[in-house]
Amino acid sequence: MSLYQLAKVSGVPYSTIKAARQRGNQLTVETLYRLCQGLGVTMGEFFEEPEEPNVRETQISKIAC
């Protein structure tokens, strides 16, 4: 999804999203909530740490490639 598309589906101005991405501007909780709604995820899912891949699975996937 492009930044423009995210702006449209979330209702957050494109300029706000672009400034946060390029200059690291901080977002309000409300803005972040609206972005999450646009992405179809909860704020909990947005901040959830990805699981560490199983080392064996990673080794197998490298061999399979």
N, C-alpha and C. Protein backbone atom coordinates (compact mmCIF):
# COMPACT_ATOMS: atom_id res chain seq x y z
N MET A 1 0.84 -1.16 0.00
CA MET A 1 0.00 0.00 0.00
C MET A 1 0.90 1.24 0.00
N SER A 2 0.58 2.17 -0.82
CA SER A 2 1.36 3.40 -0.89
C SER A 2 0.97 4.35 0.24
N LEU A 3 1.80 5.35 0.50
CA LEU A 3 1.46 6.34 1.51
C LEU A 3 0.18 7.08 1.13
N TYR A 4 0.01 7.35 -0.15
CA TYR A 4 -1.19 8.02 -0.64
C TYR A 4 -2.43 7.17 -0.36
N GLN A 5 -2.34 5.89 -0.66
CA GLN A 5 -3.48 4.99 -0.40
C GLN A 5 -3.79 4.91 1.09
N LEU A 6 -2.74 4.85 1.92
CA LEU A 6 -2.94 4.82 3.36
C LEU A 6 -3.63 6.09 3.84
N ALA A 7 -3.24 7.22 3.29
CA ALA A 7 -3.89 8.49 3.65
C ALA A 7 -5.37 8.45 3.32
N LYS A 8 -5.70 7.92 2.17
CA LYS A 8 -7.10 7.86 1.75
C LYS A 8 -7.94 6.94 2.63
N VAL A 9 -7.43 5.76 2.94
CA VAL A 9 -8.23 4.80 3.71
C VAL A 9 -8.28 5.13 5.20
N SER A 10 -7.28 5.86 5.70
CA SER A 10 -7.23 6.17 7.13
C SER A 10 -7.80 7.55 7.46
N GLY A 11 -7.85 8.42 6.47
CA GLY A 11 -8.31 9.78 6.73
C GLY A 11 -7.23 10.67 7.33
N VAL A 12 -6.01 10.18 7.39
CA VAL A 12 -4.88 10.96 7.88
C VAL A 12 -4.26 11.67 6.68
N PRO A 13 -4.02 12.98 6.79
CA PRO A 13 -3.44 13.70 5.65
C PRO A 13 -2.13 13.07 5.16
N TYR A 14 -1.98 13.03 3.86
CA TYR A 14 -0.77 12.49 3.24
C TYR A 14 0.47 13.20 3.78
N SER A 15 0.38 14.52 3.95
CA SER A 15 1.53 15.30 4.42
C SER A 15 1.96 14.86 5.82
N THR A 16 1.02 14.46 6.66
CA THR A 16 1.34 13.99 8.01
C THR A 16 2.09 12.67 7.95
N ILE A 17 1.61 11.77 7.11
CA ILE A 17 2.25 10.46 6.97
C ILE A 17 3.65 10.61 6.38
N LYS A 18 3.75 11.45 5.36
CA LYS A 18 5.04 11.65 4.69
C LYS A 18 6.06 12.27 5.65
N ALA A 19 5.64 13.26 6.45
CA ALA A 19 6.55 13.90 7.40
C ALA A 19 7.01 12.91 8.46
N ALA A 20 6.11 12.04 8.91
CA ALA A 20 6.49 11.04 9.91
C ALA A 20 7.51 10.07 9.33
N ARG A 21 7.33 9.70 8.10
CA ARG A 21 8.24 8.73 7.46
C ARG A 21 9.59 9.37 7.13
N GLN A 22 9.58 10.55 6.56
CA GLN A 22 10.82 11.16 6.09
C GLN A 22 11.62 11.85 7.20
N ARG A 23 10.91 12.56 8.07
CA ARG A 23 11.60 13.36 9.09
C ARG A 23 11.49 12.78 10.48
N GLY A 24 10.76 11.70 10.60
CA GLY A 24 10.62 11.06 11.91
C GLY A 24 9.70 11.82 12.85
N ASN A 25 8.80 12.66 12.30
CA ASN A 25 7.85 13.37 13.14
C ASN A 25 7.04 12.38 13.96
N GLN A 26 6.80 12.72 15.20
CA GLN A 26 6.03 11.84 16.07
C GLN A 26 4.54 12.00 15.78
N LEU A 27 3.82 10.91 15.89
CA LEU A 27 2.39 10.91 15.64
C LEU A 27 1.64 10.86 16.96
N THR A 28 0.45 11.44 16.98
CA THR A 28 -0.39 11.35 18.17
C THR A 28 -0.98 9.94 18.23
N VAL A 29 -1.49 9.58 19.39
CA VAL A 29 -2.13 8.28 19.55
C VAL A 29 -3.34 8.20 18.62
N GLU A 30 -4.10 9.28 18.52
CA GLU A 30 -5.27 9.29 17.64
C GLU A 30 -4.88 9.05 16.19
N THR A 31 -3.83 9.71 15.73
CA THR A 31 -3.36 9.53 14.34
C THR A 31 -2.90 8.10 14.13
N LEU A 32 -2.14 7.57 15.06
CA LEU A 32 -1.67 6.19 14.96
C LEU A 32 -2.84 5.22 14.92
N TYR A 33 -3.86 5.49 15.75
CA TYR A 33 -5.05 4.65 15.77
C TYR A 33 -5.73 4.65 14.40
N ARG A 34 -5.85 5.82 13.80
CA ARG A 34 -6.49 5.93 12.49
C ARG A 34 -5.67 5.22 11.41
N LEU A 35 -4.36 5.31 11.49
CA LEU A 35 -3.51 4.59 10.54
C LEU A 35 -3.69 3.08 10.70
N CYS A 36 -3.75 2.61 11.92
CA CYS A 36 -3.96 1.18 12.18
C CYS A 36 -5.30 0.73 11.61
N GLN A 37 -6.33 1.54 11.79
CA GLN A 37 -7.64 1.21 11.23
C GLN A 37 -7.54 1.10 9.71
N GLY A 38 -6.83 2.02 9.08
CA GLY A 38 -6.65 1.99 7.64
C GLY A 38 -5.90 0.75 7.17
N LEU A 39 -4.98 0.29 8.00
CA LEU A 39 -4.19 -0.91 7.67
C LEU A 39 -4.92 -2.20 8.04
N GLY A 40 -6.00 -2.06 8.81
CA GLY A 40 -6.75 -3.25 9.21
C GLY A 40 -6.10 -4.03 10.33
N VAL A 41 -5.35 -3.34 11.19
CA VAL A 41 -4.72 -4.00 12.33
C VAL A 41 -5.03 -3.22 13.60
N THR A 42 -4.93 -3.90 14.75
CA THR A 42 -5.09 -3.21 16.01
C THR A 42 -3.76 -2.55 16.37
N MET A 43 -3.81 -1.63 17.33
CA MET A 43 -2.56 -1.02 17.76
C MET A 43 -1.66 -2.06 18.43
N GLY A 44 -2.27 -3.02 19.10
CA GLY A 44 -1.49 -4.10 19.70
C GLY A 44 -0.74 -4.91 18.65
N GLU A 45 -1.43 -5.21 17.56
CA GLU A 45 -0.78 -5.96 16.46
C GLU A 45 0.31 -5.12 15.81
N PHE A 46 0.08 -3.82 15.69
CA PHE A 46 1.05 -2.92 15.07
C PHE A 46 2.37 -2.92 15.84
N PHE A 47 2.27 -2.93 17.18
CA PHE A 47 3.47 -2.85 18.01
C PHE A 47 4.02 -4.21 18.43
N GLU A 48 3.34 -5.28 18.03
CA GLU A 48 3.76 -6.62 18.40
C GLU A 48 5.11 -6.95 17.79
N GLU A 49 5.98 -7.50 18.62
CA GLU A 49 7.30 -7.91 18.15
C GLU A 49 7.16 -9.16 17.30
N PRO A 50 7.84 -9.21 16.16
CA PRO A 50 7.77 -10.44 15.36
C PRO A 50 8.45 -11.57 16.11
N GLU A 51 7.92 -12.77 15.92
CA GLU A 51 8.52 -13.93 16.56
C GLU A 51 9.87 -14.22 15.92
N GLU A 52 10.79 -14.68 16.75
CA GLU A 52 12.09 -15.07 16.24
C GLU A 52 11.91 -16.34 15.41
N PRO A 53 12.48 -16.37 14.22
CA PRO A 53 12.34 -17.59 13.42
C PRO A 53 13.10 -18.74 14.07
N ASN A 54 12.57 -19.90 13.90
CA ASN A 54 13.22 -21.10 14.38
C ASN A 54 14.50 -21.27 13.56
N VAL A 55 15.62 -21.44 14.23
CA VAL A 55 16.91 -21.54 13.54
C VAL A 55 16.90 -22.69 12.54
N ARG A 56 16.35 -23.81 12.91
CA ARG A 56 16.31 -24.96 12.01
C ARG A 56 15.48 -24.65 10.77
N GLU A 57 14.32 -24.01 10.95
CA GLU A 57 13.48 -23.66 9.80
C GLU A 57 14.21 -22.70 8.87
N THR A 58 14.96 -21.76 9.46
CA THR A 58 15.72 -20.81 8.66
C THR A 58 16.78 -21.54 7.84
N GLN A 59 17.47 -22.49 8.45
CA GLN A 59 18.50 -23.24 7.75
C GLN A 59 17.88 -24.06 6.62
N ILE A 60 16.74 -24.67 6.88
CA ILE A 60 16.06 -25.48 5.86
C ILE A 60 15.61 -24.61 4.71
N SER A 61 15.06 -23.42 5.00
CA SER A 61 14.58 -22.55 3.94
C SER A 61 15.74 -22.06 3.07
N LYS A 62 16.92 -21.88 3.66
CA LYS A 62 18.09 -21.46 2.87
C LYS A 62 18.51 -22.56 1.92
N ILE A 63 18.42 -23.79 2.38
CA ILE A 63 18.79 -24.92 1.54
C ILE A 63 17.80 -25.08 0.40
N ALA A 64 16.52 -24.85 0.68
CA ALA A 64 15.47 -25.04 -0.31
C ALA A 64 15.53 -24.01 -1.44
N CYS A 65 16.16 -22.87 -1.16
CA CYS A 65 16.21 -21.80 -2.18
C CYS A 65 17.19 -22.04 -3.25
